[in-house]
Amino acid sequence: MDMYDERGNPVTDYDPAKGRLEMQKRIHHHEAVEAVEEQGHWETVVEYPETGGRDVQWVVDVPGVEAQEAWDEEETYWLYIPYTEEELAQMEADRNQPTPEERVKELEEALELLLSGATEVTEDEGGTAGEDTGL
C-alpha cells in the first residue's frame, strides 16, 4: 500500500516516533474513451521481378483503441501525519510515568515491606504476628 505525506508526496522512510499513519481512500476518475479504428498502410518487404510478385506487411500508423465508458477507481493509501511539538512533549512525559504494571509492582513491594515490618515489630516486643496483646 502506498504512503503519502499531507501534500501528496510519496513517503519512503517512515519514522513511527515522529508521526502516525492514517488509512485514507481517494477516488480517481477515468474519462470515457472513444473508439478509434486502426489506421495503417501496406509496405513492400521483398519484390520478385521475374514473377511480378512481392511480399508486403501491414504497418500501423494509428493504433486502434476500444471504446470504454468513464469509471471511478478507489485507492486506499496511508497518510503520514507528523506529530506536533505538543504531542511529542506529551509522549515524552508519558514515557517518564510508570506503567500501571510497574505501579502495581511498586505497591505490592511496599505492602510486603509494611507487612514484614509489622511482623518484626511484634516479634521484637516479645509477641508473635497476629497475637492479641490486649491493647
C-alpha atoms as a PDB file:
ATOM      1  CA  MET A   1       0.000   0.000   0.000  1.00  0.00           C
ATOM      2  CA  ASP A   2       1.315   3.454  -0.876  1.00  0.00           C
ATOM      3  CA  MET A   3       2.196   6.075   1.731  1.00  0.00           C
ATOM      4  CA  TYR A   4       1.944   9.846   1.223  1.00  0.00           C
ATOM      5  CA  ASP A   5       2.520  12.961   3.311  1.00  0.00           C
ATOM      6  CA  GLU A   6      -0.073  15.695   3.785  1.00  0.00           C
ATOM      7  CA  ARG A   7       0.983  17.364   0.500  1.00  0.00           C
ATOM      8  CA  GLY A   8       0.539  14.181  -1.523  1.00  0.00           C
ATOM      9  CA  ASN A   9       4.263  13.436  -1.874  1.00  0.00           C
ATOM     10  CA  PRO A  10       5.313   9.776  -1.587  1.00  0.00           C
ATOM     11  CA  VAL A  11       6.880   8.825   1.769  1.00  0.00           C
ATOM     12  CA  THR A  12       9.665   6.253   1.619  1.00  0.00           C
ATOM     13  CA  ASP A  13      11.204   6.414   5.106  1.00  0.00           C
ATOM     14  CA  TYR A  14       8.555   6.370   7.832  1.00  0.00           C
ATOM     15  CA  ASP A  15       9.636   7.009  11.434  1.00  0.00           C
ATOM     16  CA  PRO A  16       6.856   5.954  13.861  1.00  0.00           C
ATOM     17  CA  ALA A  17       8.485   8.051  16.617  1.00  0.00           C
ATOM     18  CA  LYS A  18       7.915  11.243  14.614  1.00  0.00           C
ATOM     19  CA  GLY A  19       4.454  10.709  13.149  1.00  0.00           C
ATOM     20  CA  ARG A  20       1.423   8.456  12.786  1.00  0.00           C
ATOM     21  CA  LEU A  21      -0.321   6.763   9.870  1.00  0.00           C
ATOM     22  CA  GLU A  22      -3.991   7.046   8.995  1.00  0.00           C
ATOM     23  CA  MET A  23      -5.682   4.911   6.360  1.00  0.00           C
ATOM     24  CA  GLN A  24      -7.334   7.069   3.705  1.00  0.00           C
ATOM     25  CA  LYS A  25      -9.256   6.499   0.476  1.00  0.00           C
ATOM     26  CA  ARG A  26      -9.444   8.606  -2.652  1.00  0.00           C
ATOM     27  CA  ILE A  27     -11.266   8.334  -5.946  1.00  0.00           C
ATOM     28  CA  HIS A  28      -9.511   8.521  -9.315  1.00  0.00           C
ATOM     29  CA  HIS A  29     -11.905   9.383 -12.143  1.00  0.00           C
ATOM     30  CA  HIS A  30     -11.103   8.000 -15.602  1.00  0.00           C
ATOM     31  CA  GLU A  31     -12.749   9.735 -18.541  1.00  0.00           C
ATOM     32  CA  ALA A  32     -14.602   7.836 -21.264  1.00  0.00           C
ATOM     33  CA  VAL A  33     -12.544   6.789 -24.283  1.00  0.00           C
ATOM     34  CA  GLU A  34     -13.967   6.873 -27.794  1.00  0.00           C
ATOM     35  CA  ALA A  35     -13.218   4.030 -30.169  1.00  0.00           C
ATOM     36  CA  VAL A  36     -10.536   4.681 -32.779  1.00  0.00           C
ATOM     37  CA  GLU A  37     -10.155   2.464 -35.807  1.00  0.00           C
ATOM     38  CA  GLU A  38      -6.668   1.263 -36.579  1.00  0.00           C
ATOM     39  CA  GLN A  39      -5.060   3.080 -39.492  1.00  0.00           C
ATOM     40  CA  GLY A  40      -2.037   1.997 -41.456  1.00  0.00           C
ATOM     41  CA  HIS A  41      -0.597   1.170 -44.848  1.00  0.00           C
ATOM     42  CA  TRP A  42       0.935  -1.733 -46.751  1.00  0.00           C
ATOM     43  CA  GLU A  43       4.702  -1.741 -47.180  1.00  0.00           C
ATOM     44  CA  THR A  44       6.591  -3.846 -49.657  1.00  0.00           C
ATOM     45  CA  VAL A  45       9.176  -6.029 -47.974  1.00  0.00           C
ATOM     46  CA  VAL A  46      10.510  -8.022 -50.980  1.00  0.00           C
ATOM     47  CA  GLU A  47       9.789  -7.762 -54.726  1.00  0.00           C
ATOM     48  CA  TYR A  48      10.089 -10.670 -57.188  1.00  0.00           C
ATOM     49  CA  PRO A  49      10.549  -9.054 -60.669  1.00  0.00           C
ATOM     50  CA  GLU A  50      10.706 -12.354 -62.572  1.00  0.00           C
ATOM     51  CA  THR A  51       7.235 -13.351 -61.404  1.00  0.00           C
ATOM     52  CA  GLY A  52       5.834  -9.922 -60.656  1.00  0.00           C
ATOM     53  CA  GLY A  53       5.108 -10.864 -57.047  1.00  0.00           C
ATOM     54  CA  ARG A  54       6.022  -9.186 -53.814  1.00  0.00           C
ATOM     55  CA  ASP A  55       5.848  -9.726 -50.051  1.00  0.00           C
ATOM     56  CA  VAL A  56       4.079  -6.993 -48.098  1.00  0.00           C
ATOM     57  CA  GLN A  57       3.398  -6.231 -44.458  1.00  0.00           C
ATOM     58  CA  TRP A  58       0.844  -4.057 -42.698  1.00  0.00           C
ATOM     59  CA  VAL A  59       2.409  -1.088 -40.864  1.00  0.00           C
ATOM     60  CA  VAL A  60       0.239   0.544 -38.203  1.00  0.00           C
ATOM     61  CA  ASP A  61       0.242   4.354 -38.271  1.00  0.00           C
ATOM     62  CA  VAL A  62      -2.537   4.914 -35.696  1.00  0.00           C
ATOM     63  CA  PRO A  63      -3.223   2.057 -33.282  1.00  0.00           C
ATOM     64  CA  GLY A  64      -6.842   1.083 -32.696  1.00  0.00           C
ATOM     65  CA  VAL A  65      -8.471   1.792 -29.353  1.00  0.00           C
ATOM     66  CA  GLU A  66     -11.569   0.104 -27.963  1.00  0.00           C
ATOM     67  CA  ALA A  67     -14.316   2.306 -26.557  1.00  0.00           C
ATOM     68  CA  GLN A  68     -14.555   2.446 -22.780  1.00  0.00           C
ATOM     69  CA  GLU A  69     -17.072   4.164 -20.525  1.00  0.00           C
ATOM     70  CA  ALA A  70     -15.994   6.598 -17.814  1.00  0.00           C
ATOM     71  CA  TRP A  71     -15.244   4.905 -14.495  1.00  0.00           C
ATOM     72  CA  ASP A  72     -14.028   5.634 -10.974  1.00  0.00           C
ATOM     73  CA  GLU A  73     -11.239   3.786  -9.210  1.00  0.00           C
ATOM     74  CA  GLU A  74     -10.921   3.810  -5.414  1.00  0.00           C
ATOM     75  CA  GLU A  75      -7.407   3.824  -3.980  1.00  0.00           C
ATOM     76  CA  THR A  76      -6.613   3.025  -0.352  1.00  0.00           C
ATOM     77  CA  TYR A  77      -3.380   4.515   0.984  1.00  0.00           C
ATOM     78  CA  TRP A  78      -1.606   5.524   4.204  1.00  0.00           C
ATOM     79  CA  LEU A  79      -1.430   9.212   5.112  1.00  0.00           C
ATOM     80  CA  TYR A  80       1.641  10.122   7.203  1.00  0.00           C
ATOM     81  CA  ILE A  81       0.863  12.870   9.731  1.00  0.00           C
ATOM     82  CA  PRO A  82       3.858  14.239  11.686  1.00  0.00           C
ATOM     83  CA  TYR A  83       3.370  14.712  15.427  1.00  0.00           C
ATOM     84  CA  THR A  84       3.091  18.304  16.677  1.00  0.00           C
ATOM     85  CA  GLU A  85       5.544  19.661  19.257  1.00  0.00           C
ATOM     86  CA  GLU A  86       2.803  19.374  21.897  1.00  0.00           C
ATOM     87  CA  GLU A  87       2.154  15.711  21.041  1.00  0.00           C
ATOM     88  CA  LEU A  88       5.887  14.915  21.188  1.00  0.00           C
ATOM     89  CA  ALA A  89       6.177  16.654  24.591  1.00  0.00           C
ATOM     90  CA  GLN A  90       3.151  14.716  25.912  1.00  0.00           C
ATOM     91  CA  MET A  91       4.602  11.417  24.650  1.00  0.00           C
ATOM     92  CA  GLU A  92       7.904  12.198  26.413  1.00  0.00           C
ATOM     93  CA  ALA A  93       6.040  12.990  29.646  1.00  0.00           C
ATOM     94  CA  ASP A  94       4.048   9.751  29.340  1.00  0.00           C
ATOM     95  CA  ARG A  95       7.271   7.759  28.867  1.00  0.00           C
ATOM     96  CA  ASN A  96       8.580   9.122  32.188  1.00  0.00           C
ATOM     97  CA  GLN A  97       5.463   7.972  34.075  1.00  0.00           C
ATOM     98  CA  PRO A  98       5.395   4.395  35.420  1.00  0.00           C
ATOM     99  CA  THR A  99       3.100   1.978  33.641  1.00  0.00           C
ATOM    100  CA  PRO A 100       0.136   0.531  35.563  1.00  0.00           C
ATOM    101  CA  GLU A 101       2.005  -2.793  35.815  1.00  0.00           C
ATOM    102  CA  GLU A 102       5.085  -1.064  37.268  1.00  0.00           C
ATOM    103  CA  ARG A 103       2.908   0.886  39.720  1.00  0.00           C
ATOM    104  CA  VAL A 104       1.133  -2.304  40.904  1.00  0.00           C
ATOM    105  CA  LYS A 105       4.507  -3.983  41.431  1.00  0.00           C
ATOM    106  CA  GLU A 106       5.762  -0.992  43.464  1.00  0.00           C
ATOM    107  CA  LEU A 107       2.626  -1.058  45.623  1.00  0.00           C
ATOM    108  CA  GLU A 108       2.918  -4.820  46.188  1.00  0.00           C
ATOM    109  CA  GLU A 109       6.554  -4.408  47.245  1.00  0.00           C
ATOM    110  CA  ALA A 110       5.612  -1.565  49.601  1.00  0.00           C
ATOM    111  CA  LEU A 111       2.807  -3.667  51.087  1.00  0.00           C
ATOM    112  CA  GLU A 112       5.169  -6.608  51.597  1.00  0.00           C
ATOM    113  CA  LEU A 113       7.661  -4.296  53.281  1.00  0.00           C
ATOM    114  CA  LEU A 114       4.969  -2.904  55.583  1.00  0.00           C
ATOM    115  CA  LEU A 115       3.695  -6.363  56.495  1.00  0.00           C
ATOM    116  CA  SER A 116       7.172  -7.738  57.123  1.00  0.00           C
ATOM    117  CA  GLY A 117       7.991  -4.643  59.225  1.00  0.00           C
ATOM    118  CA  ALA A 118       4.836  -5.129  61.315  1.00  0.00           C
ATOM    119  CA  THR A 119       5.790  -8.759  61.935  1.00  0.00           C
ATOM    120  CA  GLU A 120       9.291  -7.810  63.055  1.00  0.00           C
ATOM    121  CA  VAL A 121       7.992  -5.128  65.449  1.00  0.00           C
ATOM    122  CA  THR A 122       5.566  -7.588  67.015  1.00  0.00           C
ATOM    123  CA  GLU A 123       8.278 -10.214  67.368  1.00  0.00           C
ATOM    124  CA  ASP A 124      10.671  -7.634  68.878  1.00  0.00           C
ATOM    125  CA  GLU A 125       8.104  -6.825  71.525  1.00  0.00           C
ATOM    126  CA  GLY A 126       8.000 -10.452  72.519  1.00  0.00           C
ATOM    127  CA  GLY A 127       4.788 -11.359  70.765  1.00  0.00           C
ATOM    128  CA  THR A 128       4.084 -13.153  67.552  1.00  0.00           C
ATOM    129  CA  ALA A 129       2.416 -11.916  64.454  1.00  0.00           C
ATOM    130  CA  GLY A 130      -1.340 -11.924  64.739  1.00  0.00           C
ATOM    131  CA  GLU A 131      -1.349 -12.468  68.525  1.00  0.00           C
ATOM    132  CA  ASP A 132      -3.827 -10.405  70.536  1.00  0.00           C
ATOM    133  CA  THR A 133      -1.857  -8.336  73.067  1.00  0.00           C
ATOM    134  CA  GLY A 134      -4.946  -6.939  74.717  1.00  0.00           C
ATOM    135  CA  LEU A 135      -4.431  -3.398  73.563  1.00  0.00           C
END
